[in-house]
Amino acid sequence: MQPRPVVNVEEFIGKTVGRRVPPSGAGLQKTLNQALAGQKRGVCPRGVYRFHSHEEADAWTLKMMSRKKVS
């Protein structure tokens, strides 16, 4: 018994399902770089912070995000 070819090379493939080209992400990276370049500081101070509850951590994060820029 001879093995049969799995794919007929002469057959026209009309549609391919499940194959897509992933987005390059270049536009998103450019926008992110522009947004970060405008900030001298990050969203929150760097370091390790320990909190007793999630509510305390959320309140601290909100306070840090809403503070005014000192120039």
PDB file of N, CA and C in Angstrom:
ATOM      1  N   MET A   1       0.831  -1.179   0.000  1.00  0.00           N
ATOM      2  CA  MET A   1       0.000   0.000   0.000  1.00  0.00           C
ATOM      3  C   MET A   1       0.879   1.246   0.000  1.00  0.00           C
ATOM      4  N   GLN A   2       0.639   2.137  -0.914  1.00  0.00           N
ATOM      5  CA  GLN A   2       1.412   3.366  -0.960  1.00  0.00           C
ATOM      6  C   GLN A   2       0.686   4.457  -0.189  1.00  0.00           C
ATOM      7  N   PRO A   3       1.443   5.323   0.514  1.00  0.00           N
ATOM      8  CA  PRO A   3       0.773   6.414   1.241  1.00  0.00           C
ATOM      9  C   PRO A   3       0.189   7.427   0.269  1.00  0.00           C
ATOM     10  N   ARG A   4      -0.992   7.887   0.608  1.00  0.00           N
ATOM     11  CA  ARG A   4      -1.649   8.903  -0.207  1.00  0.00           C
ATOM     12  C   ARG A   4      -1.161  10.272   0.223  1.00  0.00           C
ATOM     13  N   PRO A   5      -1.063  11.218  -0.707  1.00  0.00           N
ATOM     14  CA  PRO A   5      -0.690  12.580  -0.309  1.00  0.00           C
ATOM     15  C   PRO A   5      -1.806  13.204   0.522  1.00  0.00           C
ATOM     16  N   VAL A   6      -1.416  13.922   1.571  1.00  0.00           N
ATOM     17  CA  VAL A   6      -2.393  14.527   2.465  1.00  0.00           C
ATOM     18  C   VAL A   6      -3.034  15.748   1.816  1.00  0.00           C
ATOM     19  N   VAL A   7      -2.230  16.521   1.081  1.00  0.00           N
ATOM     20  CA  VAL A   7      -2.716  17.751   0.475  1.00  0.00           C
ATOM     21  C   VAL A   7      -2.568  17.643  -1.033  1.00  0.00           C
ATOM     22  N   ASN A   8      -3.619  18.001  -1.728  1.00  0.00           N
ATOM     23  CA  ASN A   8      -3.554  18.060  -3.180  1.00  0.00           C
ATOM     24  C   ASN A   8      -2.998  19.427  -3.551  1.00  0.00           C
ATOM     25  N   VAL A   9      -1.792  19.478  -4.087  1.00  0.00           N
ATOM     26  CA  VAL A   9      -1.116  20.726  -4.388  1.00  0.00           C
ATOM     27  C   VAL A   9      -1.841  21.498  -5.487  1.00  0.00           C
ATOM     28  N   GLU A  10      -2.507  20.819  -6.358  1.00  0.00           N
ATOM     29  CA  GLU A  10      -3.179  21.466  -7.473  1.00  0.00           C
ATOM     30  C   GLU A  10      -4.537  22.053  -7.071  1.00  0.00           C
ATOM     31  N   GLU A  11      -5.033  21.722  -5.912  1.00  0.00           N
ATOM     32  CA  GLU A  11      -6.349  22.197  -5.481  1.00  0.00           C
ATOM     33  C   GLU A  11      -6.273  23.642  -4.992  1.00  0.00           C
ATOM     34  N   PHE A  12      -7.256  24.447  -5.386  1.00  0.00           N
ATOM     35  CA  PHE A  12      -7.324  25.844  -4.962  1.00  0.00           C
ATOM     36  C   PHE A  12      -7.918  25.916  -3.567  1.00  0.00           C
ATOM     37  N   ILE A  13      -7.254  26.615  -2.667  1.00  0.00           N
ATOM     38  CA  ILE A  13      -7.757  26.790  -1.301  1.00  0.00           C
ATOM     39  C   ILE A  13      -8.541  28.082  -1.272  1.00  0.00           C
ATOM     40  N   GLY A  14      -9.824  27.998  -1.036  1.00  0.00           N
ATOM     41  CA  GLY A  14     -10.693  29.164  -1.086  1.00  0.00           C
ATOM     42  C   GLY A  14     -10.656  30.007   0.163  1.00  0.00           C
ATOM     43  N   LYS A  15     -10.652  29.396   1.307  1.00  0.00           N
ATOM     44  CA  LYS A  15     -10.716  30.152   2.549  1.00  0.00           C
ATOM     45  C   LYS A  15      -9.884  29.455   3.614  1.00  0.00           C
ATOM     46  N   THR A  16      -9.153  30.232   4.387  1.00  0.00           N
ATOM     47  CA  THR A  16      -8.403  29.698   5.515  1.00  0.00           C
ATOM     48  C   THR A  16      -9.061  30.205   6.784  1.00  0.00           C
ATOM     49  N   VAL A  17      -9.426  29.309   7.657  1.00  0.00           N
ATOM     50  CA  VAL A  17     -10.114  29.674   8.892  1.00  0.00           C
ATOM     51  C   VAL A  17      -9.148  29.553  10.057  1.00  0.00           C
ATOM     52  N   GLY A  18      -9.141  30.563  10.929  1.00  0.00           N
ATOM     53  CA  GLY A  18      -8.347  30.484  12.141  1.00  0.00           C
ATOM     54  C   GLY A  18      -6.931  30.986  12.008  1.00  0.00           C
ATOM     55  N   ARG A  19      -6.599  31.622  10.932  1.00  0.00           N
ATOM     56  CA  ARG A  19      -5.262  32.187  10.770  1.00  0.00           C
ATOM     57  C   ARG A  19      -5.402  33.685  10.609  1.00  0.00           C
ATOM     58  N   ARG A  20      -4.756  34.426  11.444  1.00  0.00           N
ATOM     59  CA  ARG A  20      -4.798  35.878  11.328  1.00  0.00           C
ATOM     60  C   ARG A  20      -3.421  36.426  11.654  1.00  0.00           C
ATOM     61  N   VAL A  21      -3.174  37.599  11.148  1.00  0.00           N
ATOM     62  CA  VAL A  21      -1.900  38.262  11.408  1.00  0.00           C
ATOM     63  C   VAL A  21      -2.060  39.067  12.688  1.00  0.00           C
ATOM     64  N   PRO A  22      -1.258  38.810  13.704  1.00  0.00           N
ATOM     65  CA  PRO A  22      -1.391  39.574  14.942  1.00  0.00           C
ATOM     66  C   PRO A  22      -1.030  41.035  14.717  1.00  0.00           C
ATOM     67  N   PRO A  23      -1.667  41.954  15.443  1.00  0.00           N
ATOM     68  CA  PRO A  23      -1.342  43.369  15.282  1.00  0.00           C
ATOM     69  C   PRO A  23       0.104  43.641  15.675  1.00  0.00           C
ATOM     70  N   SER A  24       0.697  44.610  15.010  1.00  0.00           N
ATOM     71  CA  SER A  24       2.111  44.889  15.253  1.00  0.00           C
ATOM     72  C   SER A  24       2.336  45.559  16.603  1.00  0.00           C
ATOM     73  N   GLY A  25       1.392  46.379  17.057  1.00  0.00           N
ATOM     74  CA  GLY A  25       1.555  47.045  18.343  1.00  0.00           C
ATOM     75  C   GLY A  25       2.419  48.283  18.268  1.00  0.00           C
ATOM     76  N   ALA A  26       2.893  48.641  17.092  1.00  0.00           N
ATOM     77  CA  ALA A  26       3.764  49.802  16.956  1.00  0.00           C
ATOM     78  C   ALA A  26       3.017  51.091  17.296  1.00  0.00           C
ATOM     79  N   GLY A  27       1.756  51.194  16.891  1.00  0.00           N
ATOM     80  CA  GLY A  27       0.972  52.389  17.186  1.00  0.00           C
ATOM     81  C   GLY A  27       0.711  52.547  18.674  1.00  0.00           C
ATOM     82  N   LEU A  28       0.399  51.442  19.332  1.00  0.00           N
ATOM     83  CA  LEU A  28       0.153  51.478  20.774  1.00  0.00           C
ATOM     84  C   LEU A  28       1.429  51.841  21.524  1.00  0.00           C
ATOM     85  N   GLN A  29       2.553  51.281  21.117  1.00  0.00           N
ATOM     86  CA  GLN A  29       3.819  51.585  21.781  1.00  0.00           C
ATOM     87  C   GLN A  29       4.178  53.051  21.609  1.00  0.00           C
ATOM     88  N   LYS A  30       3.933  53.603  20.431  1.00  0.00           N
ATOM     89  CA  LYS A  30       4.239  55.008  20.177  1.00  0.00           C
ATOM     90  C   LYS A  30       3.388  55.915  21.071  1.00  0.00           C
ATOM     91  N   THR A  31       2.099  55.599  21.196  1.00  0.00           N
ATOM     92  CA  THR A  31       1.202  56.375  22.048  1.00  0.00           C
ATOM     93  C   THR A  31       1.629  56.284  23.512  1.00  0.00           C
ATOM     94  N   LEU A  32       1.997  55.091  23.950  1.00  0.00           N
ATOM     95  CA  LEU A  32       2.432  54.899  25.334  1.00  0.00           C
ATOM     96  C   LEU A  32       3.709  55.677  25.614  1.00  0.00           C
ATOM     97  N   ASN A  33       4.647  55.657  24.677  1.00  0.00           N
ATOM     98  CA  ASN A  33       5.893  56.405  24.866  1.00  0.00           C
ATOM     99  C   ASN A  33       5.635  57.901  24.948  1.00  0.00           C
ATOM    100  N   GLN A  34       4.707  58.416  24.136  1.00  0.00           N
ATOM    101  CA  GLN A  34       4.379  59.836  24.184  1.00  0.00           C
ATOM    102  C   GLN A  34       3.732  60.202  25.513  1.00  0.00           C
ATOM    103  N   ALA A  35       2.851  59.350  26.017  1.00  0.00           N
ATOM    104  CA  ALA A  35       2.183  59.627  27.283  1.00  0.00           C
ATOM    105  C   ALA A  35       3.171  59.608  28.444  1.00  0.00           C
ATOM    106  N   LEU A  36       4.096  58.654  28.430  1.00  0.00           N
ATOM    107  CA  LEU A  36       5.065  58.557  29.518  1.00  0.00           C
ATOM    108  C   LEU A  36       6.123  59.646  29.434  1.00  0.00           C
ATOM    109  N   ALA A  37       6.412  60.145  28.237  1.00  0.00           N
ATOM    110  CA  ALA A  37       7.407  61.205  28.093  1.00  0.00           C
ATOM    111  C   ALA A  37       6.907  62.511  28.697  1.00  0.00           C
ATOM    112  N   GLY A  38       5.611  62.712  28.735  1.00  0.00           N
ATOM    113  CA  GLY A  38       5.047  63.931  29.288  1.00  0.00           C
ATOM    114  C   GLY A  38       5.033  63.951  30.804  1.00  0.00           C
ATOM    115  N   GLN A  39       5.299  62.830  31.423  1.00  0.00           N
ATOM    116  CA  GLN A  39       5.280  62.752  32.882  1.00  0.00           C
ATOM    117  C   GLN A  39       6.707  62.668  33.412  1.00  0.00           C
ATOM    118  N   LYS A  40       7.004  63.504  34.386  1.00  0.00           N
ATOM    119  CA  LYS A  40       8.308  63.415  35.043  1.00  0.00           C
ATOM    120  C   LYS A  40       8.304  62.268  36.054  1.00  0.00           C
ATOM    121  N   ARG A  41       7.176  62.064  36.677  1.00  0.00           N
ATOM    122  CA  ARG A  41       7.072  61.011  37.684  1.00  0.00           C
ATOM    123  C   ARG A  41       6.037  59.996  37.215  1.00  0.00           C
ATOM    124  N   GLY A  42       6.049  58.844  37.809  1.00  0.00           N
ATOM    125  CA  GLY A  42       5.078  57.816  37.463  1.00  0.00           C
ATOM    126  C   GLY A  42       3.750  58.083  38.149  1.00  0.00           C
ATOM    127  N   VAL A  43       2.876  57.117  38.071  1.00  0.00           N
ATOM    128  CA  VAL A  43       1.559  57.253  38.685  1.00  0.00           C
ATOM    129  C   VAL A  43       1.674  57.251  40.200  1.00  0.00           C
ATOM    130  N   CYS A  44       2.469  56.343  40.724  1.00  0.00           N
ATOM    131  CA  CYS A  44       2.667  56.234  42.171  1.00  0.00           C
ATOM    132  C   CYS A  44       4.164  56.216  42.461  1.00  0.00           C
ATOM    133  N   PRO A  45       4.561  56.621  43.672  1.00  0.00           N
ATOM    134  CA  PRO A  45       5.975  56.555  44.027  1.00  0.00           C
ATOM    135  C   PRO A  45       6.480  55.115  43.962  1.00  0.00           C
ATOM    136  N   ARG A  46       7.754  54.977  43.627  1.00  0.00           N
ATOM    137  CA  ARG A  46       8.318  53.645  43.527  1.00  0.00           C
ATOM    138  C   ARG A  46       8.652  53.101  44.899  1.00  0.00           C
ATOM    139  N   GLY A  47       8.645  51.801  44.997  1.00  0.00           N
ATOM    140  CA  GLY A  47       9.013  51.160  46.246  1.00  0.00           C
ATOM    141  C   GLY A  47       8.030  50.069  46.613  1.00  0.00           C
ATOM    142  N   VAL A  48       8.218  49.503  47.783  1.00  0.00           N
ATOM    143  CA  VAL A  48       7.346  48.447  48.272  1.00  0.00           C
ATOM    144  C   VAL A  48       6.498  49.013  49.394  1.00  0.00           C
ATOM    145  N   TYR A  49       5.216  48.873  49.278  1.00  0.00           N
ATOM    146  CA  TYR A  49       4.288  49.389  50.284  1.00  0.00           C
ATOM    147  C   TYR A  49       3.426  48.240  50.778  1.00  0.00           C
ATOM    148  N   ARG A  50       3.231  48.196  52.063  1.00  0.00           N
ATOM    149  CA  ARG A  50       2.413  47.135  52.655  1.00  0.00           C
ATOM    150  C   ARG A  50       1.208  47.783  53.322  1.00  0.00           C
ATOM    151  N   PHE A  51       0.054  47.183  53.077  1.00  0.00           N
ATOM    152  CA  PHE A  51      -1.196  47.702  53.613  1.00  0.00           C
ATOM    153  C   PHE A  51      -1.903  46.591  54.367  1.00  0.00           C
ATOM    154  N   HIS A  52      -2.764  47.000  55.294  1.00  0.00           N
ATOM    155  CA  HIS A  52      -3.497  46.029  56.099  1.00  0.00           C
ATOM    156  C   HIS A  52      -4.734  45.520  55.371  1.00  0.00           C
ATOM    157  N   SER A  53      -5.224  46.282  54.389  1.00  0.00           N
ATOM    158  CA  SER A  53      -6.426  45.846  53.666  1.00  0.00           C
ATOM    159  C   SER A  53      -6.391  46.381  52.237  1.00  0.00           C
ATOM    160  N   HIS A  54      -7.226  45.811  51.392  1.00  0.00           N
ATOM    161  CA  HIS A  54      -7.333  46.284  50.015  1.00  0.00           C
ATOM    162  C   HIS A  54      -7.918  47.694  49.966  1.00  0.00           C
ATOM    163  N   GLU A  55      -8.815  47.983  50.875  1.00  0.00           N
ATOM    164  CA  GLU A  55      -9.429  49.309  50.908  1.00  0.00           C
ATOM    165  C   GLU A  55      -8.378  50.385  51.205  1.00  0.00           C
ATOM    166  N   GLU A  56      -7.484  50.101  52.146  1.00  0.00           N
ATOM    167  CA  GLU A  56      -6.418  51.037  52.479  1.00  0.00           C
ATOM    168  C   GLU A  56      -5.480  51.236  51.283  1.00  0.00           C
ATOM    169  N   ALA A  57      -5.164  50.166  50.575  1.00  0.00           N
ATOM    170  CA  ALA A  57      -4.301  50.255  49.400  1.00  0.00           C
ATOM    171  C   ALA A  57      -4.978  51.047  48.285  1.00  0.00           C
ATOM    172  N   ASP A  58      -6.279  50.811  48.074  1.00  0.00           N
ATOM    173  CA  ASP A  58      -7.006  51.545  47.038  1.00  0.00           C
ATOM    174  C   ASP A  58      -7.092  53.029  47.365  1.00  0.00           C
ATOM    175  N   ALA A  59      -7.305  53.356  48.644  1.00  0.00           N
ATOM    176  CA  ALA A  59      -7.380  54.755  49.045  1.00  0.00           C
ATOM    177  C   ALA A  59      -6.025  55.439  48.826  1.00  0.00           C
ATOM    178  N   TRP A  60      -4.925  54.761  49.160  1.00  0.00           N
ATOM    179  CA  TRP A  60      -3.601  55.323  48.959  1.00  0.00           C
ATOM    180  C   TRP A  60      -3.302  55.535  47.468  1.00  0.00           C
ATOM    181  N   THR A  61      -3.666  54.554  46.644  1.00  0.00           N
ATOM    182  CA  THR A  61      -3.441  54.664  45.206  1.00  0.00           C
ATOM    183  C   THR A  61      -4.220  55.825  44.626  1.00  0.00           C
ATOM    184  N   LEU A  62      -5.471  55.967  45.019  1.00  0.00           N
ATOM    185  CA  LEU A  62      -6.287  57.077  44.535  1.00  0.00           C
ATOM    186  C   LEU A  62      -5.699  58.420  44.963  1.00  0.00           C
ATOM    187  N   LYS A  63      -5.207  58.506  46.202  1.00  0.00           N
ATOM    188  CA  LYS A  63      -4.585  59.742  46.700  1.00  0.00           C
ATOM    189  C   LYS A  63      -3.322  60.073  45.898  1.00  0.00           C
ATOM    190  N   MET A  64      -2.504  59.058  45.593  1.00  0.00           N
ATOM    191  CA  MET A  64      -1.264  59.284  44.838  1.00  0.00           C
ATOM    192  C   MET A  64      -1.554  59.682  43.393  1.00  0.00           C
ATOM    193  N   MET A  65      -2.592  59.110  42.800  1.00  0.00           N
ATOM    194  CA  MET A  65      -2.922  59.409  41.415  1.00  0.00           C
ATOM    195  C   MET A  65      -3.528  60.800  41.252  1.00  0.00           C
ATOM    196  N   SER A  66      -4.206  61.272  42.291  1.00  0.00           N
ATOM    197  CA  SER A  66      -4.895  62.554  42.174  1.00  0.00           C
ATOM    198  C   SER A  66      -4.101  63.723  42.751  1.00  0.00           C
ATOM    199  N   ARG A  67      -2.899  63.486  43.232  1.00  0.00           N
ATOM    200  CA  ARG A  67      -2.105  64.572  43.808  1.00  0.00           C
ATOM    201  C   ARG A  67      -1.634  65.522  42.708  1.00  0.00           C
ATOM    202  N   LYS A  68      -1.386  66.744  43.096  1.00  0.00           N
ATOM    203  CA  LYS A  68      -0.980  67.762  42.131  1.00  0.00           C
ATOM    204  C   LYS A  68       0.502  67.665  41.847  1.00  0.00           C
ATOM    205  N   LYS A  69       0.865  68.032  40.643  1.00  0.00           N
ATOM    206  CA  LYS A  69       2.256  68.008  40.206  1.00  0.00           C
ATOM    207  C   LYS A  69       3.000  69.186  40.832  1.00  0.00           C
ATOM    208  N   VAL A  70       4.146  68.918  41.419  1.00  0.00           N
ATOM    209  CA  VAL A  70       4.969  69.958  42.013  1.00  0.00           C
ATOM    210  C   VAL A  70       6.059  70.321  41.022  1.00  0.00           C
ATOM    211  N   SER A  71       6.133  71.628  40.657  1.00  0.00           N
ATOM    212  CA  SER A  71       7.186  71.982  39.699  1.00  0.00           C
ATOM    213  C   SER A  71       8.176  72.958  40.274  1.00  0.00           C
TER     214      SER A  71
END
